[in-house]
Amino acid sequence: MRIAFSVLFLATQLTANAAMAQTAAEREACKADYEKFCTGVEQGGGRIIKCLNDHLSELTPECQKVVKANSPG
């Protein structure tokens, strides 16, 4: 299950931004925040990173850094 989540999260994020380099540390930094705020979000089209960005002030500091580094603009 954990591997499936990691692969799913990575695939979603790579789809959202092809130039974005997701590391295991980045995925781990946002795992709890993803599960808390974005589990119902449909994958693809950058929707998960947008969801995390919409909750930026509520995310852990580690995840905030990942989202800021990987958000377009």
PDB file of N, CA and C in Angstrom:
ATOM      1  N   MET A   1       0.825  -1.193   0.000  1.00  0.00           N
ATOM      2  CA  MET A   1       0.000   0.000   0.000  1.00  0.00           C
ATOM      3  C   MET A   1       0.868   1.255   0.000  1.00  0.00           C
ATOM      4  N   ARG A   2       1.883   1.276   0.811  1.00  0.00           N
ATOM      5  CA  ARG A   2       2.765   2.436   0.880  1.00  0.00           C
ATOM      6  C   ARG A   2       3.479   2.653  -0.453  1.00  0.00           C
ATOM      7  N   ILE A   3       3.931   1.565  -1.067  1.00  0.00           N
ATOM      8  CA  ILE A   3       4.597   1.684  -2.363  1.00  0.00           C
ATOM      9  C   ILE A   3       3.607   2.187  -3.403  1.00  0.00           C
ATOM     10  N   ALA A   4       2.385   1.658  -3.371  1.00  0.00           N
ATOM     11  CA  ALA A   4       1.370   2.092  -4.326  1.00  0.00           C
ATOM     12  C   ALA A   4       1.090   3.581  -4.157  1.00  0.00           C
ATOM     13  N   PHE A   5       0.985   4.050  -2.917  1.00  0.00           N
ATOM     14  CA  PHE A   5       0.761   5.471  -2.665  1.00  0.00           C
ATOM     15  C   PHE A   5       1.916   6.291  -3.223  1.00  0.00           C
ATOM     16  N   SER A   6       3.132   5.870  -2.980  1.00  0.00           N
ATOM     17  CA  SER A   6       4.298   6.607  -3.450  1.00  0.00           C
ATOM     18  C   SER A   6       4.324   6.691  -4.970  1.00  0.00           C
ATOM     19  N   VAL A   7       4.046   5.577  -5.615  1.00  0.00           N
ATOM     20  CA  VAL A   7       4.032   5.564  -7.073  1.00  0.00           C
ATOM     21  C   VAL A   7       2.905   6.445  -7.592  1.00  0.00           C
ATOM     22  N   LEU A   8       1.738   6.340  -6.983  1.00  0.00           N
ATOM     23  CA  LEU A   8       0.585   7.133  -7.387  1.00  0.00           C
ATOM     24  C   LEU A   8       0.866   8.619  -7.198  1.00  0.00           C
ATOM     25  N   PHE A   9       1.387   8.976  -6.058  1.00  0.00           N
ATOM     26  CA  PHE A   9       1.683  10.382  -5.776  1.00  0.00           C
ATOM     27  C   PHE A   9       2.735  10.900  -6.749  1.00  0.00           C
ATOM     28  N   LEU A  10       3.774  10.121  -6.978  1.00  0.00           N
ATOM     29  CA  LEU A  10       4.831  10.529  -7.901  1.00  0.00           C
ATOM     30  C   LEU A  10       4.277  10.707  -9.305  1.00  0.00           C
ATOM     31  N   ALA A  11       3.490   9.750  -9.768  1.00  0.00           N
ATOM     32  CA  ALA A  11       2.929   9.840 -11.111  1.00  0.00           C
ATOM     33  C   ALA A  11       2.045  11.075 -11.246  1.00  0.00           C
ATOM     34  N   THR A  12       1.258  11.348 -10.232  1.00  0.00           N
ATOM     35  CA  THR A  12       0.375  12.512 -10.257  1.00  0.00           C
ATOM     36  C   THR A  12       1.185  13.792 -10.316  1.00  0.00           C
ATOM     37  N   GLN A  13       2.207  13.869  -9.521  1.00  0.00           N
ATOM     38  CA  GLN A  13       3.016  15.079  -9.481  1.00  0.00           C
ATOM     39  C   GLN A  13       3.806  15.263 -10.768  1.00  0.00           C
ATOM     40  N   LEU A  14       4.308  14.188 -11.334  1.00  0.00           N
ATOM     41  CA  LEU A  14       5.043  14.303 -12.585  1.00  0.00           C
ATOM     42  C   LEU A  14       4.113  14.729 -13.711  1.00  0.00           C
ATOM     43  N   THR A  15       2.889  14.272 -13.670  1.00  0.00           N
ATOM     44  CA  THR A  15       1.913  14.695 -14.658  1.00  0.00           C
ATOM     45  C   THR A  15       1.620  16.178 -14.504  1.00  0.00           C
ATOM     46  N   ALA A  16       1.563  16.632 -13.280  1.00  0.00           N
ATOM     47  CA  ALA A  16       1.260  18.032 -13.009  1.00  0.00           C
ATOM     48  C   ALA A  16       2.343  18.963 -13.534  1.00  0.00           C
ATOM     49  N   ASN A  17       3.582  18.512 -13.459  1.00  0.00           N
ATOM     50  CA  ASN A  17       4.687  19.353 -13.894  1.00  0.00           C
ATOM     51  C   ASN A  17       5.834  18.451 -14.318  1.00  0.00           C
ATOM     52  N   ALA A  18       5.998  18.248 -15.594  1.00  0.00           N
ATOM     53  CA  ALA A  18       6.976  17.291 -16.101  1.00  0.00           C
ATOM     54  C   ALA A  18       8.397  17.638 -15.680  1.00  0.00           C
ATOM     55  N   ALA A  19       8.681  18.904 -15.463  1.00  0.00           N
ATOM     56  CA  ALA A  19      10.038  19.311 -15.105  1.00  0.00           C
ATOM     57  C   ALA A  19      10.327  19.128 -13.622  1.00  0.00           C
ATOM     58  N   MET A  20       9.315  18.810 -12.849  1.00  0.00           N
ATOM     59  CA  MET A  20       9.465  18.701 -11.403  1.00  0.00           C
ATOM     60  C   MET A  20      10.133  17.384 -11.031  1.00  0.00           C
ATOM     61  N   ALA A  21      11.133  17.452 -10.216  1.00  0.00           N
ATOM     62  CA  ALA A  21      11.839  16.252  -9.771  1.00  0.00           C
ATOM     63  C   ALA A  21      11.357  15.879  -8.378  1.00  0.00           C
ATOM     64  N   GLN A  22      10.575  14.816  -8.279  1.00  0.00           N
ATOM     65  CA  GLN A  22      10.089  14.359  -6.985  1.00  0.00           C
ATOM     66  C   GLN A  22      11.080  13.366  -6.397  1.00  0.00           C
ATOM     67  N   THR A  23      11.463  13.607  -5.187  1.00  0.00           N
ATOM     68  CA  THR A  23      12.328  12.669  -4.494  1.00  0.00           C
ATOM     69  C   THR A  23      11.510  11.960  -3.429  1.00  0.00           C
ATOM     70  N   ALA A  24      12.052  10.879  -2.925  1.00  0.00           N
ATOM     71  CA  ALA A  24      11.374  10.161  -1.843  1.00  0.00           C
ATOM     72  C   ALA A  24      11.177  11.079  -0.645  1.00  0.00           C
ATOM     73  N   ALA A  25      12.141  11.933  -0.381  1.00  0.00           N
ATOM     74  CA  ALA A  25      12.036  12.859   0.750  1.00  0.00           C
ATOM     75  C   ALA A  25      10.898  13.854   0.538  1.00  0.00           C
ATOM     76  N   GLU A  26      10.722  14.325  -0.692  1.00  0.00           N
ATOM     77  CA  GLU A  26       9.629  15.254  -0.978  1.00  0.00           C
ATOM     78  C   GLU A  26       8.274  14.573  -0.820  1.00  0.00           C
ATOM     79  N   ARG A  27       8.155  13.366  -1.332  1.00  0.00           N
ATOM     80  CA  ARG A  27       6.901  12.628  -1.186  1.00  0.00           C
ATOM     81  C   ARG A  27       6.595  12.384   0.285  1.00  0.00           C
ATOM     82  N   GLU A  28       7.588  12.002   1.039  1.00  0.00           N
ATOM     83  CA  GLU A  28       7.396  11.733   2.471  1.00  0.00           C
ATOM     84  C   GLU A  28       7.016  13.001   3.226  1.00  0.00           C
ATOM     85  N   ALA A  29       7.597  14.126   2.834  1.00  0.00           N
ATOM     86  CA  ALA A  29       7.316  15.400   3.507  1.00  0.00           C
ATOM     87  C   ALA A  29       5.851  15.795   3.371  1.00  0.00           C
ATOM     88  N   CYS A  30       5.201  15.395   2.291  1.00  0.00           N
ATOM     89  CA  CYS A  30       3.809  15.799   2.043  1.00  0.00           C
ATOM     90  C   CYS A  30       2.799  14.669   2.218  1.00  0.00           C
ATOM     91  N   LYS A  31       3.242  13.499   2.555  1.00  0.00           N
ATOM     92  CA  LYS A  31       2.326  12.359   2.636  1.00  0.00           C
ATOM     93  C   LYS A  31       1.173  12.609   3.607  1.00  0.00           C
ATOM     94  N   ALA A  32       1.449  13.011   4.825  1.00  0.00           N
ATOM     95  CA  ALA A  32       0.399  13.223   5.823  1.00  0.00           C
ATOM     96  C   ALA A  32      -0.531  14.360   5.411  1.00  0.00           C
ATOM     97  N   ASP A  33       0.033  15.421   4.843  1.00  0.00           N
ATOM     98  CA  ASP A  33      -0.790  16.545   4.405  1.00  0.00           C
ATOM     99  C   ASP A  33      -1.675  16.139   3.227  1.00  0.00           C
ATOM    100  N   TYR A  34      -1.138  15.364   2.310  1.00  0.00           N
ATOM    101  CA  TYR A  34      -1.936  14.856   1.192  1.00  0.00           C
ATOM    102  C   TYR A  34      -3.107  14.037   1.731  1.00  0.00           C
ATOM    103  N   GLU A  35      -2.820  13.135   2.656  1.00  0.00           N
ATOM    104  CA  GLU A  35      -3.869  12.273   3.210  1.00  0.00           C
ATOM    105  C   GLU A  35      -4.908  13.083   3.985  1.00  0.00           C
ATOM    106  N   LYS A  36      -4.498  14.162   4.617  1.00  0.00           N
ATOM    107  CA  LYS A  36      -5.406  14.977   5.416  1.00  0.00           C
ATOM    108  C   LYS A  36      -6.289  15.884   4.559  1.00  0.00           C
ATOM    109  N   PHE A  37      -5.722  16.494   3.528  1.00  0.00           N
ATOM    110  CA  PHE A  37      -6.437  17.527   2.787  1.00  0.00           C
ATOM    111  C   PHE A  37      -6.864  17.146   1.369  1.00  0.00           C
ATOM    112  N   CYS A  38      -6.217  16.165   0.748  1.00  0.00           N
ATOM    113  CA  CYS A  38      -6.398  16.009  -0.694  1.00  0.00           C
ATOM    114  C   CYS A  38      -6.743  14.598  -1.166  1.00  0.00           C
ATOM    115  N   THR A  39      -7.102  13.683  -0.275  1.00  0.00           N
ATOM    116  CA  THR A  39      -7.352  12.312  -0.716  1.00  0.00           C
ATOM    117  C   THR A  39      -8.523  12.203  -1.681  1.00  0.00           C
ATOM    118  N   GLY A  40      -9.487  13.090  -1.620  1.00  0.00           N
ATOM    119  CA  GLY A  40     -10.636  13.027  -2.518  1.00  0.00           C
ATOM    120  C   GLY A  40     -10.424  13.741  -3.839  1.00  0.00           C
ATOM    121  N   VAL A  41      -9.255  14.319  -4.035  1.00  0.00           N
ATOM    122  CA  VAL A  41      -8.979  15.091  -5.240  1.00  0.00           C
ATOM    123  C   VAL A  41      -8.654  14.143  -6.395  1.00  0.00           C
ATOM    124  N   GLU A  42      -9.297  14.373  -7.535  1.00  0.00           N
ATOM    125  CA  GLU A  42      -9.042  13.565  -8.722  1.00  0.00           C
ATOM    126  C   GLU A  42      -7.610  13.807  -9.206  1.00  0.00           C
ATOM    127  N   GLN A  43      -6.953  12.756  -9.600  1.00  0.00           N
ATOM    128  CA  GLN A  43      -5.564  12.842 -10.034  1.00  0.00           C
ATOM    129  C   GLN A  43      -5.466  13.407 -11.442  1.00  0.00           C
ATOM    130  N   GLY A  44      -4.315  13.985 -11.720  1.00  0.00           N
ATOM    131  CA  GLY A  44      -4.029  14.497 -13.051  1.00  0.00           C
ATOM    132  C   GLY A  44      -4.325  15.974 -13.173  1.00  0.00           C
ATOM    133  N   GLY A  45      -3.705  16.576 -14.150  1.00  0.00           N
ATOM    134  CA  GLY A  45      -3.956  17.975 -14.431  1.00  0.00           C
ATOM    135  C   GLY A  45      -3.454  18.941 -13.376  1.00  0.00           C
ATOM    136  N   GLY A  46      -2.591  18.483 -12.500  1.00  0.00           N
ATOM    137  CA  GLY A  46      -2.048  19.355 -11.463  1.00  0.00           C
ATOM    138  C   GLY A  46      -2.985  19.589 -10.291  1.00  0.00           C
ATOM    139  N   ARG A  47      -4.060  18.789 -10.190  1.00  0.00           N
ATOM    140  CA  ARG A  47      -5.064  19.021  -9.150  1.00  0.00           C
ATOM    141  C   ARG A  47      -4.544  18.769  -7.741  1.00  0.00           C
ATOM    142  N   ILE A  48      -3.666  17.786  -7.563  1.00  0.00           N
ATOM    143  CA  ILE A  48      -3.176  17.499  -6.212  1.00  0.00           C
ATOM    144  C   ILE A  48      -2.230  18.596  -5.734  1.00  0.00           C
ATOM    145  N   ILE A  49      -1.314  19.019  -6.580  1.00  0.00           N
ATOM    146  CA  ILE A  49      -0.404  20.089  -6.157  1.00  0.00           C
ATOM    147  C   ILE A  49      -1.202  21.371  -5.926  1.00  0.00           C
ATOM    148  N   LYS A  50      -2.264  21.600  -6.722  1.00  0.00           N
ATOM    149  CA  LYS A  50      -3.127  22.757  -6.497  1.00  0.00           C
ATOM    150  C   LYS A  50      -3.837  22.636  -5.154  1.00  0.00           C
ATOM    151  N   CYS A  51      -4.339  21.442  -4.852  1.00  0.00           N
ATOM    152  CA  CYS A  51      -5.002  21.224  -3.568  1.00  0.00           C
ATOM    153  C   CYS A  51      -4.046  21.521  -2.414  1.00  0.00           C
ATOM    154  N   LEU A  52      -2.848  20.971  -2.498  1.00  0.00           N
ATOM    155  CA  LEU A  52      -1.869  21.230  -1.440  1.00  0.00           C
ATOM    156  C   LEU A  52      -1.567  22.726  -1.357  1.00  0.00           C
ATOM    157  N   ASN A  53      -1.438  23.371  -2.499  1.00  0.00           N
ATOM    158  CA  ASN A  53      -1.163  24.805  -2.509  1.00  0.00           C
ATOM    159  C   ASN A  53      -2.334  25.594  -1.912  1.00  0.00           C
ATOM    160  N   ASP A  54      -3.566  25.138  -2.145  1.00  0.00           N
ATOM    161  CA  ASP A  54      -4.742  25.788  -1.564  1.00  0.00           C
ATOM    162  C   ASP A  54      -4.751  25.703  -0.034  1.00  0.00           C
ATOM    163  N   HIS A  55      -4.063  24.726   0.505  1.00  0.00           N
ATOM    164  CA  HIS A  55      -3.986  24.528   1.956  1.00  0.00           C
ATOM    165  C   HIS A  55      -2.595  24.894   2.499  1.00  0.00           C
ATOM    166  N   LEU A  56      -1.871  25.673   1.748  1.00  0.00           N
ATOM    167  CA  LEU A  56      -0.464  25.944   2.061  1.00  0.00           C
ATOM    168  C   LEU A  56      -0.234  26.364   3.510  1.00  0.00           C
ATOM    169  N   SER A  57      -1.047  27.250   4.031  1.00  0.00           N
ATOM    170  CA  SER A  57      -0.834  27.738   5.405  1.00  0.00           C
ATOM    171  C   SER A  57      -1.107  26.657   6.452  1.00  0.00           C
ATOM    172  N   GLU A  58      -1.806  25.587   6.064  1.00  0.00           N
ATOM    173  CA  GLU A  58      -2.131  24.509   6.992  1.00  0.00           C
ATOM    174  C   GLU A  58      -1.146  23.337   6.918  1.00  0.00           C
ATOM    175  N   LEU A  59      -0.268  23.353   5.928  1.00  0.00           N
ATOM    176  CA  LEU A  59       0.665  22.250   5.724  1.00  0.00           C
ATOM    177  C   LEU A  59       1.829  22.329   6.698  1.00  0.00           C
ATOM    178  N   THR A  60       2.484  21.193   6.880  1.00  0.00           N
ATOM    179  CA  THR A  60       3.701  21.186   7.685  1.00  0.00           C
ATOM    180  C   THR A  60       4.747  22.054   6.992  1.00  0.00           C
ATOM    181  N   PRO A  61       5.672  22.600   7.731  1.00  0.00           N
ATOM    182  CA  PRO A  61       6.716  23.423   7.107  1.00  0.00           C
ATOM    183  C   PRO A  61       7.492  22.678   6.021  1.00  0.00           C
ATOM    184  N   GLU A  62       7.735  21.398   6.224  1.00  0.00           N
ATOM    185  CA  GLU A  62       8.471  20.608   5.232  1.00  0.00           C
ATOM    186  C   GLU A  62       7.683  20.506   3.935  1.00  0.00           C
ATOM    187  N   CYS A  63       6.395  20.243   4.034  1.00  0.00           N
ATOM    188  CA  CYS A  63       5.557  20.134   2.841  1.00  0.00           C
ATOM    189  C   CYS A  63       5.382  21.495   2.179  1.00  0.00           C
ATOM    190  N   GLN A  64       5.288  22.556   2.961  1.00  0.00           N
ATOM    191  CA  GLN A  64       5.190  23.899   2.388  1.00  0.00           C
ATOM    192  C   GLN A  64       6.371  24.165   1.465  1.00  0.00           C
ATOM    193  N   LYS A  65       7.558  23.789   1.891  1.00  0.00           N
ATOM    194  CA  LYS A  65       8.757  23.994   1.063  1.00  0.00           C
ATOM    195  C   LYS A  65       8.651  23.223  -0.243  1.00  0.00           C
ATOM    196  N   VAL A  66       8.177  21.979  -0.167  1.00  0.00           N
ATOM    197  CA  VAL A  66       8.043  21.146  -1.377  1.00  0.00           C
ATOM    198  C   VAL A  66       7.023  21.769  -2.313  1.00  0.00           C
ATOM    199  N   VAL A  67       5.874  22.169  -1.791  1.00  0.00           N
ATOM    200  CA  VAL A  67       4.822  22.740  -2.630  1.00  0.00           C
ATOM    201  C   VAL A  67       5.300  24.040  -3.276  1.00  0.00           C
ATOM    202  N   LYS A  68       5.939  24.901  -2.507  1.00  0.00           N
ATOM    203  CA  LYS A  68       6.434  26.170  -3.050  1.00  0.00           C
ATOM    204  C   LYS A  68       7.467  25.920  -4.150  1.00  0.00           C
ATOM    205  N   ALA A  69       8.329  24.935  -3.947  1.00  0.00           N
ATOM    206  CA  ALA A  69       9.369  24.633  -4.928  1.00  0.00           C
ATOM    207  C   ALA A  69       8.806  24.009  -6.197  1.00  0.00           C
ATOM    208  N   ASN A  70       7.647  23.373  -6.105  1.00  0.00           N
ATOM    209  CA  ASN A  70       7.108  22.642  -7.247  1.00  0.00           C
ATOM    210  C   ASN A  70       5.834  23.231  -7.827  1.00  0.00           C
ATOM    211  N   SER A  71       5.428  24.385  -7.353  1.00  0.00           N
ATOM    212  CA  SER A  71       4.246  25.038  -7.894  1.00  0.00           C
ATOM    213  C   SER A  71       4.657  25.929  -9.060  1.00  0.00           C
ATOM    214  N   PRO A  72       3.858  25.916 -10.101  1.00  0.00           N
ATOM    215  CA  PRO A  72       4.182  26.785 -11.252  1.00  0.00           C
ATOM    216  C   PRO A  72       4.049  28.257 -10.866  1.00  0.00           C
ATOM    217  N   GLY A  73       4.840  29.074 -11.496  1.00  0.00           N
ATOM    218  CA  GLY A  73       4.735  30.525 -11.277  1.00  0.00           C
ATOM    219  C   GLY A  73       5.665  30.951 -10.278  1.00  0.00           C
TER     220      GLY A  73
END
